[in-house]
Structure formats: structure tokens, C-alpha cells
N, C-alpha and C. Protein backbone atom coordinates (compact mmCIF):
# COMPACT_ATOMS: atom_id res chain seq x y z
N MET A 1 23.66 18.36 -12.96
CA MET A 1 23.86 17.30 -12.78
C MET A 1 22.63 16.76 -13.45
N ALA A 2 22.74 15.82 -14.55
CA ALA A 2 21.77 15.34 -15.43
C ALA A 2 20.97 14.46 -15.18
N LEU A 3 19.61 14.57 -15.48
CA LEU A 3 18.26 13.65 -14.67
C LEU A 3 18.44 12.46 -15.07
N SER A 4 18.64 10.97 -14.54
CA SER A 4 18.97 9.58 -14.49
C SER A 4 18.51 9.05 -13.69
N THR A 5 17.93 7.59 -14.07
CA THR A 5 17.35 6.84 -13.37
C THR A 5 18.80 5.99 -12.31
N HIS A 6 18.31 5.44 -11.26
CA HIS A 6 19.08 4.73 -10.43
C HIS A 6 18.40 3.51 -9.56
N THR A 7 19.28 2.84 -9.78
CA THR A 7 18.94 1.31 -8.76
C THR A 7 19.12 1.45 -7.63
N THR A 8 17.84 1.35 -7.02
CA THR A 8 18.32 1.53 -5.26
C THR A 8 18.97 0.08 -4.71
N THR A 9 18.93 0.18 -3.33
CA THR A 9 20.15 -1.18 -2.74
C THR A 9 19.19 -2.48 -2.75
N THR A 10 17.97 -2.11 -3.13
CA THR A 10 16.95 -2.88 -2.89
C THR A 10 16.76 -3.46 -4.02
N GLY A 11 17.01 -3.01 -5.11
CA GLY A 11 17.10 -3.39 -6.65
C GLY A 11 15.77 -2.86 -7.09
N PHE A 12 15.19 -1.59 -6.41
CA PHE A 12 14.04 -0.73 -6.62
C PHE A 12 14.61 0.48 -8.40
N LEU A 13 14.11 0.15 -9.32
CA LEU A 13 14.71 1.50 -10.27
C LEU A 13 13.73 2.76 -10.00
N LEU A 14 14.57 3.41 -9.44
CA LEU A 14 13.52 5.15 -9.27
C LEU A 14 14.03 5.65 -10.66
N PRO A 15 12.63 6.27 -10.85
CA PRO A 15 12.64 7.31 -12.22
C PRO A 15 13.62 8.07 -11.97
N SER A 16 14.10 9.03 -13.33
CA SER A 16 14.74 9.87 -13.41
C SER A 16 14.37 11.11 -12.83
N ILE A 17 12.81 11.19 -12.84
CA ILE A 17 12.28 12.41 -12.01
C ILE A 17 13.03 13.02 -10.60
N HIS A 18 12.98 11.87 -9.71
CA HIS A 18 13.68 11.29 -8.70
C HIS A 18 15.01 11.97 -8.38
N SER A 19 16.11 12.53 -9.49
CA SER A 19 17.28 13.04 -9.75
C SER A 19 16.88 14.93 -9.44
N ALA A 20 16.07 14.84 -9.90
CA ALA A 20 15.57 16.75 -10.19
C ALA A 20 15.12 17.24 -8.79
N PRO A 21 16.00 18.02 -8.33
CA PRO A 21 15.69 18.67 -7.01
C PRO A 21 14.80 19.65 -6.62
N PRO A 22 14.12 19.73 -7.84
CA PRO A 22 12.18 20.24 -7.40
C PRO A 22 11.10 19.79 -7.21
N PHE A 23 11.90 18.13 -7.26
CA PHE A 23 10.82 17.00 -7.13
C PHE A 23 10.64 16.99 -5.73
N PHE A 24 11.06 17.17 -4.84
CA PHE A 24 11.16 17.23 -3.59
C PHE A 24 10.47 18.53 -2.94
N THR A 25 10.19 19.01 -3.59
CA THR A 25 9.56 20.52 -3.21
C THR A 25 8.22 20.43 -3.71
N GLN A 26 7.31 21.12 -2.87
CA GLN A 26 5.76 21.40 -3.26
C GLN A 26 6.04 22.38 -4.00
N GLN A 27 5.17 22.35 -5.52
CA GLN A 27 5.85 23.65 -6.19
C GLN A 27 4.35 24.26 -6.52
N PRO A 28 4.59 25.48 -6.25
CA PRO A 28 3.76 26.74 -6.13
C PRO A 28 2.39 27.29 -7.35
N ASN A 29 2.80 26.41 -8.80
CA ASN A 29 2.04 26.18 -9.90
C ASN A 29 1.14 25.13 -9.36
N PRO A 30 0.07 25.47 -9.61
CA PRO A 30 -1.43 24.14 -9.46
C PRO A 30 -1.07 23.19 -10.46
N THR A 31 -0.74 23.24 -11.82
CA THR A 31 -0.58 22.40 -12.87
C THR A 31 0.31 21.55 -12.98
N THR A 32 1.50 21.98 -12.16
CA THR A 32 3.32 21.40 -11.98
C THR A 32 2.92 20.91 -10.61
N GLN A 33 2.40 21.48 -9.75
CA GLN A 33 1.84 20.38 -8.53
C GLN A 33 1.29 19.10 -8.84
N SER A 34 0.19 19.38 -9.90
CA SER A 34 -0.70 17.95 -10.17
C SER A 34 0.34 16.61 -10.17
N ILE A 35 1.19 17.52 -11.18
CA ILE A 35 1.89 16.73 -12.48
C ILE A 35 3.41 15.91 -11.33
N ALA A 36 3.08 16.98 -10.57
CA ALA A 36 4.35 16.18 -9.41
C ALA A 36 3.93 15.01 -8.68
N SER A 37 2.32 15.64 -8.07
CA SER A 37 1.59 14.43 -7.29
C SER A 37 1.79 13.23 -7.80
N GLU A 38 1.03 13.46 -9.02
CA GLU A 38 0.95 11.94 -9.61
C GLU A 38 2.09 11.02 -9.82
N GLN A 39 3.27 11.78 -10.45
CA GLN A 39 4.37 11.32 -9.98
C GLN A 39 4.36 10.31 -9.04
N TRP A 40 4.45 11.58 -8.03
CA TRP A 40 4.73 10.91 -6.48
C TRP A 40 4.22 9.63 -6.01
N ILE A 41 2.93 9.77 -6.26
CA ILE A 41 1.84 8.62 -6.35
C ILE A 41 2.20 7.34 -6.95
N ARG A 42 2.21 7.62 -7.89
CA ARG A 42 2.79 6.56 -9.08
C ARG A 42 4.18 5.81 -8.42
N LEU A 43 5.12 6.53 -8.06
CA LEU A 43 6.74 6.04 -7.47
C LEU A 43 6.25 5.62 -6.12
N ILE A 44 5.60 6.16 -5.36
CA ILE A 44 5.21 5.54 -3.86
C ILE A 44 4.44 4.00 -4.17
N LEU A 45 3.45 3.80 -4.84
CA LEU A 45 2.79 2.89 -4.89
C LEU A 45 3.67 1.44 -5.15
N SER A 46 4.66 1.84 -6.53
CA SER A 46 5.12 0.84 -7.29
C SER A 46 6.17 0.46 -6.02
N TYR A 47 6.63 1.59 -5.91
CA TYR A 47 7.90 0.86 -4.38
C TYR A 47 7.06 -0.03 -3.41
N ALA A 48 6.25 0.53 -2.78
CA ALA A 48 5.52 -0.21 -1.88
C ALA A 48 4.98 -1.40 -2.49
N ARG A 49 4.89 -1.94 -3.87
CA ARG A 49 4.63 -3.12 -4.27
C ARG A 49 5.89 -3.93 -4.25
N HIS A 50 6.95 -3.45 -4.83
CA HIS A 50 8.34 -3.72 -4.71
C HIS A 50 8.86 -4.17 -3.34
N ARG A 51 8.27 -3.58 -2.14
CA ARG A 51 9.03 -3.79 -1.14
C ARG A 51 7.88 -4.62 -0.03
N ARG A 52 6.75 -4.95 -0.60
CA ARG A 52 5.49 -5.14 -0.12
C ARG A 52 5.40 -4.74 1.50
N LEU A 53 5.43 -2.95 1.07
CA LEU A 53 4.82 -2.07 2.03
C LEU A 53 3.87 -1.73 2.23
N PHE A 54 2.59 -1.68 3.31
CA PHE A 54 1.85 -1.59 3.01
C PHE A 54 1.44 -0.12 3.68
N THR A 55 2.27 0.69 4.30
CA THR A 55 1.85 1.81 5.46
C THR A 55 2.86 2.90 5.16
N LEU A 56 2.45 3.71 4.73
CA LEU A 56 3.11 5.12 4.95
C LEU A 56 2.74 6.27 5.94
N ARG A 57 3.93 6.73 6.70
CA ARG A 57 3.90 7.96 8.04
C ARG A 57 4.09 8.91 7.42
N VAL A 58 3.61 10.02 7.48
CA VAL A 58 4.68 11.28 7.76
C VAL A 58 5.93 11.57 7.76
N GLU A 59 6.10 10.88 9.28
CA GLU A 59 7.20 10.53 9.91
C GLU A 59 8.27 9.67 9.03
N ASP A 60 7.85 9.34 8.47
CA ASP A 60 8.90 8.34 7.35
C ASP A 60 9.60 9.44 6.87
N ALA A 61 9.35 10.61 6.74
CA ALA A 61 10.00 11.90 5.92
C ALA A 61 10.38 12.58 7.27
N GLU A 62 10.23 12.33 8.50
CA GLU A 62 11.02 13.17 9.54
C GLU A 62 12.26 11.99 9.61
N THR A 63 12.19 10.86 9.80
CA THR A 63 13.79 9.81 10.44
C THR A 63 14.19 9.29 8.99
N ALA A 64 15.36 9.19 9.54
CA ALA A 64 16.20 8.57 8.63
C ALA A 64 16.27 7.05 8.82
N GLY A 65 16.61 6.42 8.22
CA GLY A 65 16.58 4.60 7.91
C GLY A 65 15.71 3.87 8.37
N ASN A 66 14.70 4.50 7.87
CA ASN A 66 13.24 3.58 7.85
C ASN A 66 13.05 3.38 6.46
N ASP A 67 11.55 2.19 6.07
CA ASP A 67 11.67 1.41 4.92
C ASP A 67 11.65 2.18 3.62
N TRP A 68 11.35 3.91 4.04
CA TRP A 68 11.37 4.48 2.87
C TRP A 68 11.98 5.36 2.32
N ASP A 69 13.41 5.44 3.26
CA ASP A 69 14.81 6.17 2.50
C ASP A 69 14.77 5.92 1.35
N GLU A 70 14.92 5.47 0.48
CA GLU A 70 14.98 4.77 -0.64
C GLU A 70 14.45 6.00 -1.33
N VAL A 71 13.40 6.30 -1.54
CA VAL A 71 12.13 7.41 -2.22
C VAL A 71 12.17 8.59 -1.49
N LEU A 72 11.94 8.26 -0.23
CA LEU A 72 11.64 9.63 -0.02
C LEU A 72 12.66 10.67 0.17
N ARG A 73 14.18 10.00 0.07
CA ARG A 73 15.37 10.53 0.08
C ARG A 73 16.50 10.49 -0.65
N ASN A 74 16.64 11.50 -1.31
CA ASN A 74 18.01 11.40 -2.53
C ASN A 74 19.82 12.27 -1.96
N GLU A 75 20.14 10.98 -1.58
CA GLU A 75 21.65 11.85 -0.73
C GLU A 75 22.34 12.37 -2.03
N ARG A 76 22.18 11.55 -3.15
CA ARG A 76 23.10 12.04 -4.56
C ARG A 76 22.77 13.06 -4.58
N ILE A 77 21.92 13.92 -4.75
CA ILE A 77 21.31 15.46 -4.78
C ILE A 77 20.98 16.10 -3.58
N ASN A 78 21.40 15.45 -2.47
CA ASN A 78 20.84 16.15 -0.94
C ASN A 78 19.68 16.43 -0.49
N ARG A 79 18.54 15.89 -1.11
CA ARG A 79 17.38 16.15 -1.22
C ARG A 79 16.40 15.41 -0.19
N ARG A 80 15.55 15.92 0.46
CA ARG A 80 14.20 14.86 0.71
C ARG A 80 12.80 15.97 1.01
N VAL A 81 11.88 15.18 0.65
CA VAL A 81 10.71 15.19 0.76
C VAL A 81 10.24 15.63 2.32
N LEU A 82 9.55 17.18 2.69
CA LEU A 82 9.44 17.13 4.09
C LEU A 82 8.09 16.65 4.43
N PRO A 83 7.78 16.42 5.90
CA PRO A 83 6.83 16.19 6.28
C PRO A 83 5.69 16.94 5.69
N SER A 84 5.44 18.00 5.79
CA SER A 84 4.35 18.61 5.57
C SER A 84 3.89 18.34 3.86
N TYR A 85 5.02 17.93 2.91
CA TYR A 85 4.87 17.83 1.56
C TYR A 85 4.20 16.17 1.60
N LEU A 86 4.86 15.41 2.33
CA LEU A 86 4.09 13.85 2.76
C LEU A 86 3.09 13.83 2.99
N SER A 87 2.74 14.74 3.49
CA SER A 87 1.10 14.97 3.91
C SER A 87 0.20 15.35 3.27
N ALA A 88 0.89 16.35 2.54
CA ALA A 88 -0.32 17.01 1.05
C ALA A 88 -0.20 15.68 -0.18
N ILE A 89 0.84 14.61 -0.23
CA ILE A 89 0.87 13.96 -1.08
C ILE A 89 0.14 12.30 -0.33
N ILE A 90 0.25 12.62 0.63
CA ILE A 90 -0.59 10.88 1.44
C ILE A 90 -2.35 11.72 1.32
N ALA A 91 -2.44 12.76 1.34
CA ALA A 91 -4.16 13.60 0.88
C ALA A 91 -4.11 13.22 -0.26
N SER A 92 -3.46 13.65 -1.07
CA SER A 92 -4.09 13.23 -2.36
C SER A 92 -3.91 11.86 -3.12
N MET A 93 -3.40 10.93 -2.62
CA MET A 93 -3.19 9.97 -2.67
C MET A 93 -4.63 9.11 -2.29
N ALA A 94 -5.17 9.59 -0.52
CA ALA A 94 -6.75 9.27 -0.49
C ALA A 94 -7.42 9.70 -1.16
N ALA A 95 -7.26 11.49 -1.48
CA ALA A 95 -8.71 11.64 -2.27
C ALA A 95 -8.98 10.70 -3.14
N LYS A 96 -7.76 10.22 -4.30
CA LYS A 96 -7.97 9.04 -5.21
C LYS A 96 -8.08 8.07 -4.91
N ASN A 97 -8.15 7.54 -3.81
CA ASN A 97 -9.31 6.57 -3.35
C ASN A 97 -7.64 4.92 -3.69
N VAL A 98 -6.62 5.30 -3.57
CA VAL A 98 -5.21 4.61 -3.60
C VAL A 98 -4.13 4.36 -2.15
N ALA A 99 -5.24 5.20 -1.34
CA ALA A 99 -4.95 5.08 -0.10
C ALA A 99 -5.71 5.20 0.81
N ALA A 100 -6.02 4.94 2.05
CA ALA A 100 -6.60 5.47 3.08
C ALA A 100 -6.13 5.48 4.55
N TYR A 101 -6.63 6.44 4.94
CA TYR A 101 -5.87 7.12 5.99
C TYR A 101 -6.57 5.62 7.39
N GLU A 102 -5.32 5.41 7.87
CA GLU A 102 -5.18 4.23 9.37
C GLU A 102 -4.31 4.44 10.00
N PRO A 103 -4.81 4.88 11.02
CA PRO A 103 -6.31 4.31 11.83
C PRO A 103 -7.29 5.92 11.12
N PRO A 104 -8.55 5.52 10.66
CA PRO A 104 -9.30 6.64 10.32
C PRO A 104 -9.22 7.88 11.45
N LYS A 105 -9.79 8.85 11.06
CA LYS A 105 -10.09 9.67 11.78
C LYS A 105 -8.39 10.59 12.00
N GLN A 106 -8.07 10.00 11.49
CA GLN A 106 -6.15 11.68 11.65
C GLN A 106 -5.68 11.37 10.43
N ASN A 107 -4.31 11.82 9.93
CA ASN A 107 -4.12 12.01 8.93
C ASN A 107 -2.62 12.08 8.69
N ARG A 108 -1.85 11.48 9.79
CA ARG A 108 -0.28 10.82 9.05
C ARG A 108 0.03 9.53 9.25
N SER A 109 -1.15 8.77 8.87
CA SER A 109 -0.52 7.60 8.24
C SER A 109 -1.57 6.35 7.54
N ALA A 110 -1.19 6.12 6.79
CA ALA A 110 -1.98 5.75 5.56
C ALA A 110 -2.15 4.60 5.14
N LEU A 111 -2.84 3.86 4.92
CA LEU A 111 -2.60 2.47 4.26
C LEU A 111 -2.73 2.34 2.55
N LEU A 112 -1.72 1.78 2.08
CA LEU A 112 -1.39 2.21 0.70
C LEU A 112 -2.29 0.63 -0.35
N TYR A 113 -2.62 1.34 -1.35
CA TYR A 113 -3.17 0.35 -1.91
C TYR A 113 -2.81 0.07 -3.63
N TRP A 114 -1.55 -0.20 -3.56
CA TRP A 114 -0.92 -1.26 -4.41
C TRP A 114 -1.27 -2.01 -5.09
N ARG A 115 -2.75 -2.59 -4.53
CA ARG A 115 -3.47 -3.26 -5.15
C ARG A 115 -5.18 -3.22 -4.26
N LEU A 116 -5.83 -2.38 -5.20
CA LEU A 116 -7.09 -2.25 -4.55
C LEU A 116 -7.88 -3.10 -4.04
N PRO A 117 -8.90 -2.99 -3.00
CA PRO A 117 -9.29 -3.65 -1.83
C PRO A 117 -10.06 -4.98 -2.81
N GLU A 118 -10.51 -4.57 -4.06
CA GLU A 118 -10.80 -5.44 -5.14
C GLU A 118 -10.51 -5.97 -5.75
N GLU A 119 -9.04 -5.38 -5.33
CA GLU A 119 -7.69 -6.75 -6.32
C GLU A 119 -7.59 -7.60 -5.24
N TRP A 120 -7.44 -7.35 -4.05
CA TRP A 120 -7.31 -7.98 -3.16
C TRP A 120 -8.37 -9.01 -2.69
N ALA A 121 -9.36 -8.99 -2.79
CA ALA A 121 -10.40 -9.77 -2.82
C ALA A 121 -10.47 -10.73 -3.26
N GLU A 122 -10.21 -10.29 -4.76
CA GLU A 122 -9.84 -11.54 -5.84
C GLU A 122 -8.62 -12.34 -5.47
N VAL A 123 -7.45 -11.86 -5.10
CA VAL A 123 -6.79 -12.59 -5.12
C VAL A 123 -6.99 -13.91 -3.71
N LEU A 124 -7.35 -13.41 -2.56
CA LEU A 124 -7.75 -13.73 -1.60
C LEU A 124 -8.30 -14.84 -1.54
N HIS A 125 -10.43 -14.65 -2.17
CA HIS A 125 -11.20 -15.89 -3.25
C HIS A 125 -9.93 -17.21 -4.14
N GLU A 126 -9.07 -16.76 -5.23
CA GLU A 126 -7.84 -17.63 -5.68
C GLU A 126 -7.29 -18.26 -4.86
N TRP A 127 -7.12 -17.55 -3.63
CA TRP A 127 -6.16 -18.10 -2.77
C TRP A 127 -6.77 -19.64 -2.29
N ALA A 128 -8.03 -19.00 -1.60
CA ALA A 128 -8.64 -19.66 -0.85
C ALA A 128 -9.23 -21.41 -1.60
N ILE A 129 -9.08 -21.03 -3.04
CA ILE A 129 -10.11 -22.06 -3.78
C ILE A 129 -8.60 -22.55 -4.34
N SER A 130 -7.34 -22.18 -4.49
CA SER A 130 -6.08 -22.98 -5.07
C SER A 130 -5.31 -23.29 -3.92
N THR A 131 -6.00 -23.40 -2.56
CA THR A 131 -5.12 -24.06 -1.25
C THR A 131 -6.44 -24.94 -0.54
N GLY A 132 -7.25 -25.00 -1.33
CA GLY A 132 -8.69 -25.66 -1.19
C GLY A 132 -9.71 -25.36 0.17
N GLN A 133 -9.35 -24.25 0.65
CA GLN A 133 -9.93 -23.32 1.92
C GLN A 133 -11.35 -23.38 1.90
N LEU A 134 -12.15 -23.61 0.70
CA LEU A 134 -13.69 -22.85 0.30
C LEU A 134 -14.67 -24.40 1.44
N ASN A 135 -15.26 -23.55 2.10
CA ASN A 135 -16.30 -24.34 3.09
C ASN A 135 -15.35 -24.36 4.42
N THR A 136 -14.43 -24.01 4.57
CA THR A 136 -13.68 -24.22 5.66
C THR A 136 -13.36 -23.17 6.65
N ILE A 137 -13.43 -22.62 7.76
CA ILE A 137 -13.20 -21.68 8.96
C ILE A 137 -12.01 -21.48 8.67
N LEU A 138 -11.56 -20.38 8.42
CA LEU A 138 -9.56 -19.43 8.83
C LEU A 138 -10.04 -18.46 9.42
N THR A 139 -9.02 -18.44 10.76
CA THR A 139 -8.81 -17.41 11.09
C THR A 139 -8.59 -15.99 10.50
N PHE A 140 -7.95 -14.94 10.85
CA PHE A 140 -7.19 -13.61 10.29
C PHE A 140 -6.00 -14.62 10.19
N TYR A 141 -5.78 -14.79 11.38
CA TYR A 141 -3.78 -15.36 11.27
C TYR A 141 -4.21 -16.12 10.40
N ASP A 142 -4.63 -17.22 10.26
CA ASP A 142 -4.76 -18.32 9.13
C ASP A 142 -3.94 -17.63 7.82
N ILE A 143 -4.67 -16.91 7.66
CA ILE A 143 -4.53 -15.81 6.02
C ILE A 143 -3.44 -15.28 6.40
N THR A 144 -2.89 -14.44 6.89
CA THR A 144 -2.29 -13.17 6.81
C THR A 144 -0.76 -13.90 7.59
N ASP A 145 -0.70 -14.93 8.25
CA ASP A 145 0.24 -15.72 9.06
C ASP A 145 0.09 -17.28 8.15
N PRO A 146 0.44 -17.61 7.19
CA PRO A 146 0.35 -19.13 6.30
C PRO A 146 1.66 -19.64 6.84
N PRO A 147 1.21 -20.99 7.14
CA PRO A 147 3.07 -21.69 6.98
C PRO A 147 4.01 -22.04 5.60
N ILE A 148 3.02 -21.59 4.61
CA ILE A 148 3.67 -21.47 3.29
C ILE A 148 3.48 -19.98 2.82
N GLU A 149 4.21 -19.30 2.64
CA GLU A 149 4.38 -17.67 2.39
C GLU A 149 3.23 -17.62 0.99
N SER A 150 2.47 -16.71 1.22
CA SER A 150 1.37 -16.68 -0.03
C SER A 150 1.08 -14.83 -0.47
N PRO A 151 0.42 -14.36 -1.15
CA PRO A 151 0.49 -12.88 -1.85
C PRO A 151 -0.05 -12.56 -0.68
N LEU A 152 -0.62 -13.05 0.61
CA LEU A 152 -1.63 -12.59 1.79
C LEU A 152 -0.49 -12.21 2.54
N THR A 153 0.32 -12.90 2.56
CA THR A 153 1.24 -13.03 3.76
C THR A 153 1.42 -11.69 4.42
N ASN A 154 1.02 -11.16 5.40
CA ASN A 154 1.10 -10.19 6.62
C ASN A 154 0.67 -8.56 6.20
N ILE A 155 -0.66 -9.16 4.98
CA ILE A 155 -1.21 -8.21 4.64
C ILE A 155 -2.05 -7.39 5.71
N PRO A 156 -2.78 -6.27 6.13
CA PRO A 156 -2.65 -5.74 7.16
C PRO A 156 -4.39 -6.02 7.47
N LEU A 157 -4.87 -6.42 8.84
CA LEU A 157 -6.23 -6.78 8.95
C LEU A 157 -7.31 -5.59 8.10
N PRO A 158 -7.13 -4.81 8.60
CA PRO A 158 -8.27 -3.33 7.95
C PRO A 158 -8.34 -3.73 5.75
N LEU A 159 -6.58 -4.02 5.55
CA LEU A 159 -7.33 -4.58 4.05
C LEU A 159 -8.14 -6.50 3.56
N LEU A 160 -7.66 -6.87 4.50
CA LEU A 160 -8.07 -8.25 4.69
C LEU A 160 -9.34 -8.11 5.16
N ARG A 161 -9.84 -7.23 5.93
CA ARG A 161 -11.62 -6.97 6.23
C ARG A 161 -12.12 -6.19 4.97
N LYS A 162 -11.68 -5.45 4.34
CA LYS A 162 -12.11 -4.67 2.94
C LYS A 162 -12.76 -5.82 2.22
N ALA A 163 -11.71 -6.87 1.38
CA ALA A 163 -11.42 -7.80 0.93
C ALA A 163 -12.62 -8.45 1.04
N ILE A 164 -12.56 -8.96 2.33
CA ILE A 164 -13.31 -9.82 2.80
C ILE A 164 -15.00 -8.94 2.53
N THR A 165 -15.23 -8.60 2.60
CA THR A 165 -16.83 -7.53 2.60
C THR A 165 -17.14 -7.25 1.08
N ILE A 166 -16.23 -7.01 0.40
CA ILE A 166 -16.28 -7.76 -0.98
C ILE A 166 -16.49 -8.84 -1.39
N LEU A 167 -15.76 -9.64 -0.74
CA LEU A 167 -16.65 -11.15 -1.28
C LEU A 167 -17.81 -11.51 -1.02
N ALA A 168 -18.22 -11.18 0.23
CA ALA A 168 -19.18 -11.15 1.05
C ALA A 168 -20.81 -10.53 0.22
N LYS A 169 -20.11 -9.25 -0.20
CA LYS A 169 -21.64 -8.63 -1.33
C LYS A 169 -21.92 -10.38 -2.36
N THR A 170 -20.60 -10.65 -3.04
CA THR A 170 -20.95 -11.20 -4.17
C THR A 170 -21.10 -12.57 -3.25
N ASN A 171 -21.31 -12.71 -2.29
CA ASN A 171 -21.70 -14.92 -1.68
C ASN A 171 -20.92 -15.25 -1.79
N ARG A 172 -19.26 -15.03 -1.69
CA ARG A 172 -17.78 -15.64 -2.05
C ARG A 172 -17.89 -15.55 -0.77
N ALA A 173 -17.92 -14.90 0.29
CA ALA A 173 -17.09 -15.48 1.49
C ALA A 173 -18.48 -14.65 2.74
N GLN A 174 -18.40 -15.31 4.21
CA GLN A 174 -19.13 -14.82 5.21
C GLN A 174 -17.98 -14.71 6.46
N LEU A 175 -17.90 -13.61 7.02
CA LEU A 175 -17.19 -13.62 8.48
C LEU A 175 -17.96 -13.76 9.28
N ILE A 176 -17.52 -14.26 10.01
CA ILE A 176 -17.38 -15.44 11.14
C ILE A 176 -16.71 -15.14 12.59
N GLY A 177 -17.37 -14.71 13.54
CA GLY A 177 -16.47 -14.88 15.18
C GLY A 177 -16.46 -16.21 15.45
N VAL A 178 -14.62 -15.90 16.11
CA VAL A 178 -14.27 -17.38 16.47
C VAL A 178 -13.86 -16.85 17.77
N ALA A 179 -13.18 -18.02 18.48
CA ALA A 179 -13.12 -17.84 19.55
C ALA A 179 -11.80 -17.12 19.68
N ASP A 180 -10.70 -16.99 19.32
CA ASP A 180 -9.99 -15.91 19.28
C ASP A 180 -9.95 -14.49 18.29
N GLY A 181 -11.07 -14.55 18.48
CA GLY A 181 -11.22 -13.03 16.97
C GLY A 181 -12.06 -13.19 15.85
N GLU A 182 -11.45 -12.94 14.84
CA GLU A 182 -12.60 -13.08 13.91
C GLU A 182 -11.83 -13.92 13.33
N GLY A 183 -12.90 -14.82 12.05
CA GLY A 183 -12.80 -15.41 11.00
C GLY A 183 -13.40 -15.12 10.04
N VAL A 184 -13.24 -16.44 8.51
CA VAL A 184 -14.08 -15.98 7.40
C VAL A 184 -14.21 -17.50 6.80
N ARG A 185 -14.97 -17.48 6.02
CA ARG A 185 -15.57 -19.12 5.43
C ARG A 185 -15.40 -18.38 3.72
N PHE A 186 -14.85 -19.21 3.05
CA PHE A 186 -15.10 -18.90 1.70
C PHE A 186 -15.97 -19.73 1.13
N PHE A 187 -16.52 -19.13 -0.21
CA PHE A 187 -17.58 -20.50 -0.82
C PHE A 187 -17.25 -20.32 -2.59
N ALA A 188 -17.41 -20.67 -3.01
CA ALA A 188 -16.98 -21.05 -4.66
C ALA A 188 -17.64 -19.67 -5.14
N GLY A 189 -19.34 -19.71 -5.23
CA GLY A 189 -19.94 -18.52 -5.25
C GLY A 189 -18.98 -17.76 -7.02
N SER A 190 -20.38 -16.50 -7.51
CA SER A 190 -19.79 -16.34 -8.47
C SER A 190 -19.23 -15.01 -8.46
N LYS A 191 -18.53 -13.98 -9.35
CA LYS A 191 -18.61 -12.28 -9.20
C LYS A 191 -20.16 -11.87 -9.55
């Protein structure tokens, strides 16, 4: 079978490497494995952005029918990523700071940074300005589940906290304890 791109049912264009059987297997040659790892990282992050997926778990390689099937399996060539290989890919992503183990102190589930926390901080601050939320106290729920969908809809709380912490360091946000959890106040500030 010739290598070819393929468009998934969700409209994502898989690269031609996805149709190469060796791509789904950890390679013994370190140089070859390093190249394959880089391609997997790019593929996973671009797919996560396409689908707005924030979490990747080793279990996603073990069970069929999840959000990651289109990427972690290729039924056309009867291949899938094994959990041990996915674990190694996630470890590589964490080492490159494009993912972080979530919850911390385990290595089976990672929060994906298809936007880095610094980029999310800018998105968050621009959202606060564009929606007129400066100097207003907002709960995390107000941000992650707004009445009108935004780029921040469903952002995981650990990632939201990181973005707020980054903004706080530049005096553009302040974490505040509120009756039902955590809140934040945004300020105009400057980068």
C-alpha cells in the first residue's frame, strides 16, 4: 500500500506517515525513533487542536471507541499504537514541555499544550478585555462555561490556573478566593 494522506470522519487530514506500518511501532534505532517521536508529537498536538482535546491517556491506546481512535489506530493497515509506545510518546511530550502529567506524580495521563500556557494566558487576557471583564471578579466556571462559547470554553482548570498565574506575574490578573471556589480579577496591565 502506498503512503497516502487520509481525511478522518471529523475532517482531520492525517499525514501520509500515518499509513506506514512502522510508524505505529517503537523503533530500535534511536535516530529513527527520535524522528518518529517528533512526527507523533506534531500529529497529536494538531489533532488535539482540531478536536479541542486537552487530555491524552495511555488507556486511549488500550480501548477502542474513544476520541483518539482516528489517530492512535489505522484500520486500513491494521495497526494501532500500543500503550507502552504511547506512554513513551507522552513522556517525550512532557520532556519537551508540550504536555504535563495531570494529575501530577503519575505518568498515564497528560494535559496537552496545543497552545502553551503562555499562549493561553494571552487568549485569556484578550477575552477578558474583549468581553468587558476588566476589574470584574469572575469564577473559573464563568470562564470555562460562558453563556456564549469562547476559545476558553471547557479549558481544564489546571491549565486555566497556569494561564492566570502567568498573567498575575505581569500584574494583569489576580487570583481571588470566592464563595464557591476560585476566582480571578483581570487588569489592563501590560506584558
